[in-house]
Amino acid sequence: MRTGSEPSTARSPLRMRLWLSVWGVAWATFGLVAFWVAGRPGWAAACGVLLLLVAVDLLVVIRRIRQGPRYQPGRDVPPYDPPQDRPGPPGRR
């Protein structure tokens, strides 16, 4: 639902998030392997947790890209209600 305050030419940041997630997967994998080889299991575990989080984000981004730009939730999701107490233009009541 448009409220009129959004730009009509707005673009989704999903492609940017996709490439940042791919970059994160690469660096977290590198860190995991490097710290494991160096004998630092604590840092390797931290990189493993980061790798898991970035991989989940990557899957979410891919899913949303595949849903397409016109995805609308089903009937079980209630519509967004705009706030009722929106202030009017200055000087009018």
Protein backbone atom coordinates (compact mmCIF):
# COMPACT_ATOMS: atom_id res chain seq x y z
CA MET A 1 0.00 0.00 0.00
CA ARG A 2 1.46 3.34 -1.03
CA THR A 3 1.12 6.23 1.38
CA GLY A 4 2.43 8.79 -1.07
CA SER A 5 5.66 9.54 0.76
CA GLU A 6 7.77 6.88 -1.02
CA PRO A 7 9.73 7.74 -4.13
CA SER A 8 8.10 6.23 -7.20
CA THR A 9 11.51 5.23 -8.61
CA ALA A 10 12.73 3.45 -5.47
CA ARG A 11 14.79 0.33 -6.09
CA SER A 12 15.22 -2.71 -3.93
CA PRO A 13 18.59 -3.24 -2.19
CA LEU A 14 18.35 -7.01 -2.69
CA ARG A 15 21.01 -7.19 -5.42
CA MET A 16 23.44 -5.28 -3.22
CA ARG A 17 22.65 -7.58 -0.28
CA LEU A 18 23.17 -10.58 -2.55
CA TRP A 19 26.71 -9.52 -3.50
CA LEU A 20 27.55 -8.46 0.06
CA SER A 21 26.41 -11.87 1.27
CA VAL A 22 28.52 -13.64 -1.36
CA TRP A 23 31.50 -11.51 -0.27
CA GLY A 24 30.75 -12.36 3.37
CA VAL A 25 30.55 -16.09 2.64
CA ALA A 26 33.94 -15.93 0.91
CA TRP A 27 35.66 -14.04 3.74
CA ALA A 28 34.03 -16.06 6.53
CA THR A 29 35.08 -19.30 4.81
CA PHE A 30 38.62 -17.98 4.39
CA GLY A 31 38.73 -16.91 8.05
CA LEU A 32 37.35 -20.25 9.23
CA VAL A 33 39.98 -22.21 7.31
CA ALA A 34 42.84 -19.84 8.15
CA PHE A 35 42.12 -19.78 11.88
CA TRP A 36 41.58 -23.55 11.97
CA VAL A 37 44.95 -24.14 10.29
CA ALA A 38 46.61 -21.61 12.62
CA GLY A 39 45.32 -23.50 15.65
CA ARG A 40 42.90 -20.82 16.88
CA PRO A 41 39.66 -22.74 17.49
CA GLY A 42 37.89 -19.82 19.18
CA TRP A 43 38.35 -17.52 16.22
CA ALA A 44 37.52 -20.37 13.85
CA ALA A 45 34.24 -20.91 15.73
CA ALA A 46 33.46 -17.19 15.50
CA CYS A 47 34.04 -17.30 11.75
CA GLY A 48 31.86 -20.41 11.55
CA VAL A 49 28.98 -18.62 13.31
CA LEU A 50 29.45 -15.64 11.01
CA LEU A 51 29.47 -17.98 8.01
CA LEU A 52 26.18 -19.50 9.18
CA LEU A 53 24.53 -16.08 9.60
CA VAL A 54 25.72 -14.84 6.21
CA ALA A 55 24.59 -18.05 4.51
CA VAL A 56 21.10 -17.72 6.02
CA ASP A 57 20.95 -14.09 4.84
CA LEU A 58 22.03 -15.21 1.38
CA LEU A 59 19.22 -17.78 1.25
CA VAL A 60 16.66 -15.19 2.38
CA VAL A 61 17.83 -12.73 -0.28
CA ILE A 62 17.68 -15.38 -3.01
CA ARG A 63 14.18 -16.38 -1.91
CA ARG A 64 12.95 -12.77 -1.99
CA ILE A 65 14.53 -12.14 -5.39
CA ARG A 66 12.75 -15.22 -6.77
CA GLN A 67 9.41 -14.02 -5.36
CA GLY A 68 9.59 -11.11 -7.75
CA PRO A 69 8.86 -7.41 -7.45
CA ARG A 70 5.09 -7.78 -7.21
CA TYR A 71 4.95 -10.28 -4.34
CA GLN A 72 2.01 -9.77 -2.00
CA PRO A 73 1.42 -11.77 1.17
CA GLY A 74 -1.57 -14.12 1.37
CA ARG A 75 -4.99 -13.53 2.88
CA ASP A 76 -3.82 -14.61 6.33
CA VAL A 77 -1.57 -11.53 6.61
CA PRO A 78 -3.54 -8.46 7.73
CA PRO A 79 -3.11 -5.27 5.69
CA TYR A 80 -0.99 -2.42 6.94
CA ASP A 81 -3.03 0.28 8.63
CA PRO A 82 -1.53 3.77 8.39
CA PRO A 83 -1.41 5.70 11.66
CA GLN A 84 -4.65 7.48 12.48
CA ASP A 85 -3.08 10.41 14.31
CA ARG A 86 -1.07 11.83 11.42
CA PRO A 87 -0.53 15.54 11.78
CA GLY A 88 -1.97 17.69 9.05
CA PRO A 89 -0.24 20.54 7.25
CA PRO A 90 1.00 23.35 9.53
CA GLY A 91 -1.57 26.01 10.33
CA ARG A 92 -4.62 23.82 9.56
CA ARG A 93 -6.84 22.04 12.05
